[in-house]
Amino acid sequence: MGTLAELKEIIDRWDQQDDARRIHSRPRTIGEYFAAEQPLLAPLPEEPFETGRLSTPRVDRYSQICVG
């Protein structure tokens, strides 16, 4: 894998293969379930938003970490 475009192609292929997958004895495929759910999803906001947060928490002498 050399470029980001090649990685994207690989992930797209995996996604297409997964659409045809059926979970255990469920009546529909993953793609069919997603097609039914997709119209109910809210659109992404227009403005950029923070998708993650980096932090450097400290561990106290009791091996506890306080986050947030």
PDB file of N, CA and C in Angstrom:
ATOM      1  N   MET A   1       0.858  -1.159   0.000  1.00  0.00           N
ATOM      2  CA  MET A   1       0.000   0.000   0.000  1.00  0.00           C
ATOM      3  C   MET A   1       0.905   1.222   0.000  1.00  0.00           C
ATOM      4  N   GLY A   2       0.821   2.030  -1.056  1.00  0.00           N
ATOM      5  CA  GLY A   2       1.738   3.135  -1.178  1.00  0.00           C
ATOM      6  C   GLY A   2       1.138   4.501  -0.922  1.00  0.00           C
ATOM      7  N   THR A   3      -0.120   4.699  -1.302  1.00  0.00           N
ATOM      8  CA  THR A   3      -0.685   6.038  -1.190  1.00  0.00           C
ATOM      9  C   THR A   3      -2.007   6.003  -0.434  1.00  0.00           C
ATOM     10  N   LEU A   4      -2.455   7.186  -0.069  1.00  0.00           N
ATOM     11  CA  LEU A   4      -3.738   7.305   0.605  1.00  0.00           C
ATOM     12  C   LEU A   4      -4.878   6.895  -0.334  1.00  0.00           C
ATOM     13  N   ALA A   5      -4.732   7.190  -1.624  1.00  0.00           N
ATOM     14  CA  ALA A   5      -5.751   6.802  -2.608  1.00  0.00           C
ATOM     15  C   ALA A   5      -5.868   5.277  -2.691  1.00  0.00           C
ATOM     16  N   GLU A   6      -4.743   4.582  -2.645  1.00  0.00           N
ATOM     17  CA  GLU A   6      -4.775   3.109  -2.677  1.00  0.00           C
ATOM     18  C   GLU A   6      -5.450   2.557  -1.430  1.00  0.00           C
ATOM     19  N   LEU A   7      -5.167   3.157  -0.291  1.00  0.00           N
ATOM     20  CA  LEU A   7      -5.808   2.725   0.952  1.00  0.00           C
ATOM     21  C   LEU A   7      -7.312   2.941   0.875  1.00  0.00           C
ATOM     22  N   LYS A   8      -7.726   4.084   0.337  1.00  0.00           N
ATOM     23  CA  LYS A   8      -9.152   4.367   0.190  1.00  0.00           C
ATOM     24  C   LYS A   8      -9.827   3.337  -0.714  1.00  0.00           C
ATOM     25  N   GLU A   9      -9.175   2.935  -1.793  1.00  0.00           N
ATOM     26  CA  GLU A   9      -9.733   1.911  -2.684  1.00  0.00           C
ATOM     27  C   GLU A   9      -9.909   0.582  -1.957  1.00  0.00           C
ATOM     28  N   ILE A  10      -8.928   0.215  -1.153  1.00  0.00           N
ATOM     29  CA  ILE A  10      -9.006  -1.040  -0.387  1.00  0.00           C
ATOM     30  C   ILE A  10     -10.167  -0.991   0.592  1.00  0.00           C
ATOM     31  N   ILE A  11     -10.294   0.118   1.304  1.00  0.00           N
ATOM     32  CA  ILE A  11     -11.378   0.256   2.283  1.00  0.00           C
ATOM     33  C   ILE A  11     -12.731   0.257   1.582  1.00  0.00           C
ATOM     34  N   ASP A  12     -12.829   0.911   0.418  1.00  0.00           N
ATOM     35  CA  ASP A  12     -14.080   0.897  -0.352  1.00  0.00           C
ATOM     36  C   ASP A  12     -14.452  -0.530  -0.763  1.00  0.00           C
ATOM     37  N   ARG A  13     -13.456  -1.313  -1.162  1.00  0.00           N
ATOM     38  CA  ARG A  13     -13.704  -2.711  -1.532  1.00  0.00           C
ATOM     39  C   ARG A  13     -14.214  -3.501  -0.334  1.00  0.00           C
ATOM     40  N   TRP A  14     -13.588  -3.310   0.821  1.00  0.00           N
ATOM     41  CA  TRP A  14     -14.031  -3.999   2.040  1.00  0.00           C
ATOM     42  C   TRP A  14     -15.466  -3.611   2.370  1.00  0.00           C
ATOM     43  N   ASP A  15     -15.783  -2.326   2.211  1.00  0.00           N
ATOM     44  CA  ASP A  15     -17.126  -1.836   2.504  1.00  0.00           C
ATOM     45  C   ASP A  15     -18.151  -2.494   1.591  1.00  0.00           C
ATOM     46  N   GLN A  16     -17.841  -2.610   0.311  1.00  0.00           N
ATOM     47  CA  GLN A  16     -18.757  -3.249  -0.636  1.00  0.00           C
ATOM     48  C   GLN A  16     -18.942  -4.723  -0.305  1.00  0.00           C
ATOM     49  N   GLN A  17     -17.865  -5.393   0.078  1.00  0.00           N
ATOM     50  CA  GLN A  17     -17.970  -6.811   0.452  1.00  0.00           C
ATOM     51  C   GLN A  17     -18.827  -6.960   1.710  1.00  0.00           C
ATOM     52  N   ASP A  18     -18.669  -6.031   2.645  1.00  0.00           N
ATOM     53  CA  ASP A  18     -19.413  -6.113   3.900  1.00  0.00           C
ATOM     54  C   ASP A  18     -20.900  -5.857   3.681  1.00  0.00           C
ATOM     55  N   ASP A  19     -21.248  -5.057   2.669  1.00  0.00           N
ATOM     56  CA  ASP A  19     -22.660  -4.810   2.371  1.00  0.00           C
ATOM     57  C   ASP A  19     -23.408  -6.098   2.059  1.00  0.00           C
ATOM     58  N   ALA A  20     -22.734  -7.090   1.503  1.00  0.00           N
ATOM     59  CA  ALA A  20     -23.369  -8.356   1.143  1.00  0.00           C
ATOM     60  C   ALA A  20     -23.386  -9.358   2.301  1.00  0.00           C
ATOM     61  N   ARG A  21     -22.722  -9.016   3.393  1.00  0.00           N
ATOM     62  CA  ARG A  21     -22.621  -9.946   4.523  1.00  0.00           C
ATOM     63  C   ARG A  21     -23.926 -10.002   5.304  1.00  0.00           C
ATOM     64  N   ARG A  22     -24.228 -11.178   5.806  1.00  0.00           N
ATOM     65  CA  ARG A  22     -25.415 -11.395   6.631  1.00  0.00           C
ATOM     66  C   ARG A  22     -24.939 -11.798   8.028  1.00  0.00           C
ATOM     67  N   ILE A  23     -25.487 -11.170   9.055  1.00  0.00           N
ATOM     68  CA  ILE A  23     -25.100 -11.475  10.432  1.00  0.00           C
ATOM     69  C   ILE A  23     -25.956 -12.633  10.929  1.00  0.00           C
ATOM     70  N   HIS A  24     -25.303 -13.733  11.217  1.00  0.00           N
ATOM     71  CA  HIS A  24     -25.942 -14.959  11.709  1.00  0.00           C
ATOM     72  C   HIS A  24     -27.214 -15.274  10.926  1.00  0.00           C
ATOM     73  N   SER A  25     -28.342 -15.338  11.597  1.00  0.00           N
ATOM     74  CA  SER A  25     -29.574 -15.752  10.920  1.00  0.00           C
ATOM     75  C   SER A  25     -30.503 -14.569  10.654  1.00  0.00           C
ATOM     76  N   ARG A  26     -29.966 -13.363  10.619  1.00  0.00           N
ATOM     77  CA  ARG A  26     -30.818 -12.191  10.348  1.00  0.00           C
ATOM     78  C   ARG A  26     -31.334 -12.252   8.911  1.00  0.00           C
ATOM     79  N   PRO A  27     -32.534 -11.744   8.681  1.00  0.00           N
ATOM     80  CA  PRO A  27     -33.154 -11.901   7.367  1.00  0.00           C
ATOM     81  C   PRO A  27     -32.553 -11.038   6.258  1.00  0.00           C
ATOM     82  N   ARG A  28     -31.878  -9.930   6.628  1.00  0.00           N
ATOM     83  CA  ARG A  28     -31.355  -9.027   5.606  1.00  0.00           C
ATOM     84  C   ARG A  28     -29.842  -8.878   5.722  1.00  0.00           C
ATOM     85  N   THR A  29     -29.239  -8.375   4.645  1.00  0.00           N
ATOM     86  CA  THR A  29     -27.794  -8.135   4.648  1.00  0.00           C
ATOM     87  C   THR A  29     -27.503  -6.795   5.326  1.00  0.00           C
ATOM     88  N   ILE A  30     -26.234  -6.564   5.618  1.00  0.00           N
ATOM     89  CA  ILE A  30     -25.827  -5.297   6.221  1.00  0.00           C
ATOM     90  C   ILE A  30     -26.185  -4.135   5.305  1.00  0.00           C
ATOM     91  N   GLY A  31     -25.986  -4.300   4.012  1.00  0.00           N
ATOM     92  CA  GLY A  31     -26.330  -3.254   3.059  1.00  0.00           C
ATOM     93  C   GLY A  31     -27.818  -2.941   3.050  1.00  0.00           C
ATOM     94  N   GLU A  32     -28.648  -3.952   3.170  1.00  0.00           N
ATOM     95  CA  GLU A  32     -30.096  -3.733   3.195  1.00  0.00           C
ATOM     96  C   GLU A  32     -30.517  -2.994   4.465  1.00  0.00           C
ATOM     97  N   TYR A  33     -29.919  -3.366   5.597  1.00  0.00           N
ATOM     98  CA  TYR A  33     -30.221  -2.662   6.844  1.00  0.00           C
ATOM     99  C   TYR A  33     -29.782  -1.198   6.758  1.00  0.00           C
ATOM    100  N   PHE A  34     -28.607  -0.952   6.179  1.00  0.00           N
ATOM    101  CA  PHE A  34     -28.131   0.420   6.061  1.00  0.00           C
ATOM    102  C   PHE A  34     -29.026   1.231   5.128  1.00  0.00           C
ATOM    103  N   ALA A  35     -29.472   0.645   4.029  1.00  0.00           N
ATOM    104  CA  ALA A  35     -30.350   1.346   3.091  1.00  0.00           C
ATOM    105  C   ALA A  35     -31.657   1.764   3.781  1.00  0.00           C
ATOM    106  N   ALA A  36     -32.156   0.933   4.689  1.00  0.00           N
ATOM    107  CA  ALA A  36     -33.382   1.264   5.419  1.00  0.00           C
ATOM    108  C   ALA A  36     -33.132   2.362   6.453  1.00  0.00           C
ATOM    109  N   GLU A  37     -31.942   2.383   7.035  1.00  0.00           N
ATOM    110  CA  GLU A  37     -31.622   3.348   8.092  1.00  0.00           C
ATOM    111  C   GLU A  37     -31.132   4.691   7.541  1.00  0.00           C
ATOM    112  N   GLN A  38     -30.533   4.685   6.380  1.00  0.00           N
ATOM    113  CA  GLN A  38     -29.887   5.883   5.833  1.00  0.00           C
ATOM    114  C   GLN A  38     -30.801   7.112   5.769  1.00  0.00           C
ATOM    115  N   PRO A  39     -32.057   6.996   5.334  1.00  0.00           N
ATOM    116  CA  PRO A  39     -32.914   8.197   5.284  1.00  0.00           C
ATOM    117  C   PRO A  39     -33.186   8.800   6.665  1.00  0.00           C
ATOM    118  N   LEU A  40     -33.001   8.038   7.719  1.00  0.00           N
ATOM    119  CA  LEU A  40     -33.271   8.515   9.071  1.00  0.00           C
ATOM    120  C   LEU A  40     -32.071   9.215   9.706  1.00  0.00           C
ATOM    121  N   LEU A  41     -30.910   9.128   9.067  1.00  0.00           N
ATOM    122  CA  LEU A  41     -29.705   9.734   9.623  1.00  0.00           C
ATOM    123  C   LEU A  41     -29.729  11.247   9.450  1.00  0.00           C
ATOM    124  N   ALA A  42     -29.250  11.963  10.462  1.00  0.00           N
ATOM    125  CA  ALA A  42     -29.168  13.427  10.388  1.00  0.00           C
ATOM    126  C   ALA A  42     -27.984  13.814   9.510  1.00  0.00           C
ATOM    127  N   PRO A  43     -28.107  14.906   8.775  1.00  0.00           N
ATOM    128  CA  PRO A  43     -26.974  15.347   7.953  1.00  0.00           C
ATOM    129  C   PRO A  43     -25.834  15.873   8.827  1.00  0.00           C
ATOM    130  N   LEU A  44     -24.632  15.828   8.292  1.00  0.00           N
ATOM    131  CA  LEU A  44     -23.490  16.380   9.015  1.00  0.00           C
ATOM    132  C   LEU A  44     -23.615  17.894   9.072  1.00  0.00           C
ATOM    133  N   PRO A  45     -23.136  18.519  10.139  1.00  0.00           N
ATOM    134  CA  PRO A  45     -23.211  19.977  10.229  1.00  0.00           C
ATOM    135  C   PRO A  45     -22.329  20.646   9.173  1.00  0.00           C
ATOM    136  N   GLU A  46     -22.711  21.849   8.756  1.00  0.00           N
ATOM    137  CA  GLU A  46     -21.960  22.595   7.748  1.00  0.00           C
ATOM    138  C   GLU A  46     -20.594  23.033   8.274  1.00  0.00           C
ATOM    139  N   GLU A  47     -20.554  23.485   9.524  1.00  0.00           N
ATOM    140  CA  GLU A  47     -19.299  23.978  10.083  1.00  0.00           C
ATOM    141  C   GLU A  47     -18.442  22.818  10.587  1.00  0.00           C
ATOM    142  N   PRO A  48     -17.117  22.976  10.543  1.00  0.00           N
ATOM    143  CA  PRO A  48     -16.233  21.910  11.034  1.00  0.00           C
ATOM    144  C   PRO A  48     -16.436  21.691  12.540  1.00  0.00           C
ATOM    145  N   PHE A  49     -16.193  20.479  12.973  1.00  0.00           N
ATOM    146  CA  PHE A  49     -16.329  20.170  14.392  1.00  0.00           C
ATOM    147  C   PHE A  49     -15.187  19.266  14.833  1.00  0.00           C
ATOM    148  N   GLU A  50     -14.910  19.305  16.109  1.00  0.00           N
ATOM    149  CA  GLU A  50     -13.824  18.515  16.683  1.00  0.00           C
ATOM    150  C   GLU A  50     -14.261  17.055  16.779  1.00  0.00           C
ATOM    151  N   THR A  51     -13.518  16.164  16.143  1.00  0.00           N
ATOM    152  CA  THR A  51     -13.878  14.750  16.140  1.00  0.00           C
ATOM    153  C   THR A  51     -13.126  13.945  17.184  1.00  0.00           C
ATOM    154  N   GLY A  52     -12.182  14.564  17.824  1.00  0.00           N
ATOM    155  CA  GLY A  52     -11.415  13.864  18.851  1.00  0.00           C
ATOM    156  C   GLY A  52     -10.685  14.863  19.720  1.00  0.00           C
ATOM    157  N   ARG A  53     -10.122  14.386  20.789  1.00  0.00           N
ATOM    158  CA  ARG A  53      -9.406  15.257  21.699  1.00  0.00           C
ATOM    159  C   ARG A  53      -8.190  14.501  22.228  1.00  0.00           C
ATOM    160  N   LEU A  54      -7.048  15.138  22.130  1.00  0.00           N
ATOM    161  CA  LEU A  54      -5.831  14.562  22.685  1.00  0.00           C
ATOM    162  C   LEU A  54      -5.658  15.048  24.112  1.00  0.00           C
ATOM    163  N   SER A  55      -5.229  14.153  24.969  1.00  0.00           N
ATOM    164  CA  SER A  55      -4.968  14.545  26.354  1.00  0.00           C
ATOM    165  C   SER A  55      -3.803  13.739  26.891  1.00  0.00           C
ATOM    166  N   THR A  56      -3.213  14.255  27.935  1.00  0.00           N
ATOM    167  CA  THR A  56      -2.119  13.562  28.608  1.00  0.00           C
ATOM    168  C   THR A  56      -2.493  13.438  30.081  1.00  0.00           C
ATOM    169  N   PRO A  57      -3.319  12.441  30.403  1.00  0.00           N
ATOM    170  CA  PRO A  57      -3.743  12.295  31.802  1.00  0.00           C
ATOM    171  C   PRO A  57      -2.609  11.787  32.679  1.00  0.00           C
ATOM    172  N   ARG A  58      -2.721  12.066  33.937  1.00  0.00           N
ATOM    173  CA  ARG A  58      -1.732  11.599  34.911  1.00  0.00           C
ATOM    174  C   ARG A  58      -2.307  10.430  35.703  1.00  0.00           C
ATOM    175  N   VAL A  59      -1.438   9.536  36.055  1.00  0.00           N
ATOM    176  CA  VAL A  59      -1.815   8.388  36.880  1.00  0.00           C
ATOM    177  C   VAL A  59      -1.362   8.683  38.302  1.00  0.00           C
ATOM    178  N   ASP A  60      -2.302   8.556  39.268  1.00  0.00           N
ATOM    179  CA  ASP A  60      -1.912   8.816  40.653  1.00  0.00           C
ATOM    180  C   ASP A  60      -1.303   7.569  41.287  1.00  0.00           C
ATOM    181  N   ARG A  61      -0.953   7.682  42.517  1.00  0.00           N
ATOM    182  CA  ARG A  61      -0.263   6.549  43.184  1.00  0.00           C
ATOM    183  C   ARG A  61      -1.171   5.335  43.388  1.00  0.00           C
ATOM    184  N   TYR A  62      -2.474   5.501  43.174  1.00  0.00           N
ATOM    185  CA  TYR A  62      -3.401   4.368  43.279  1.00  0.00           C
ATOM    186  C   TYR A  62      -3.730   3.788  41.901  1.00  0.00           C
ATOM    187  N   SER A  63      -2.971   4.176  40.894  1.00  0.00           N
ATOM    188  CA  SER A  63      -3.174   3.732  39.500  1.00  0.00           C
ATOM    189  C   SER A  63      -4.512   4.179  38.935  1.00  0.00           C
ATOM    190  N   GLN A  64      -4.999   5.334  39.386  1.00  0.00           N
ATOM    191  CA  GLN A  64      -6.242   5.890  38.874  1.00  0.00           C
ATOM    192  C   GLN A  64      -5.925   7.059  37.933  1.00  0.00           C
ATOM    193  N   ILE A  65      -6.766   7.185  36.925  1.00  0.00           N
ATOM    194  CA  ILE A  65      -6.614   8.264  35.954  1.00  0.00           C
ATOM    195  C   ILE A  65      -7.884   9.097  35.971  1.00  0.00           C
ATOM    196  N   CYS A  66      -7.729  10.403  36.085  1.00  0.00           N
ATOM    197  CA  CYS A  66      -8.872  11.310  36.043  1.00  0.00           C
ATOM    198  C   CYS A  66      -8.949  11.890  34.622  1.00  0.00           C
ATOM    199  N   VAL A  67     -10.075  11.665  33.963  1.00  0.00           N
ATOM    200  CA  VAL A  67     -10.276  12.172  32.604  1.00  0.00           C
ATOM    201  C   VAL A  67     -11.457  13.133  32.624  1.00  0.00           C
ATOM    202  N   GLY A  68     -11.260  14.305  32.049  1.00  0.00           N
ATOM    203  CA  GLY A  68     -12.346  15.298  31.937  1.00  0.00           C
ATOM    204  C   GLY A  68     -12.642  15.899  33.246  1.00  0.00           C
TER     205      GLY A  68
END
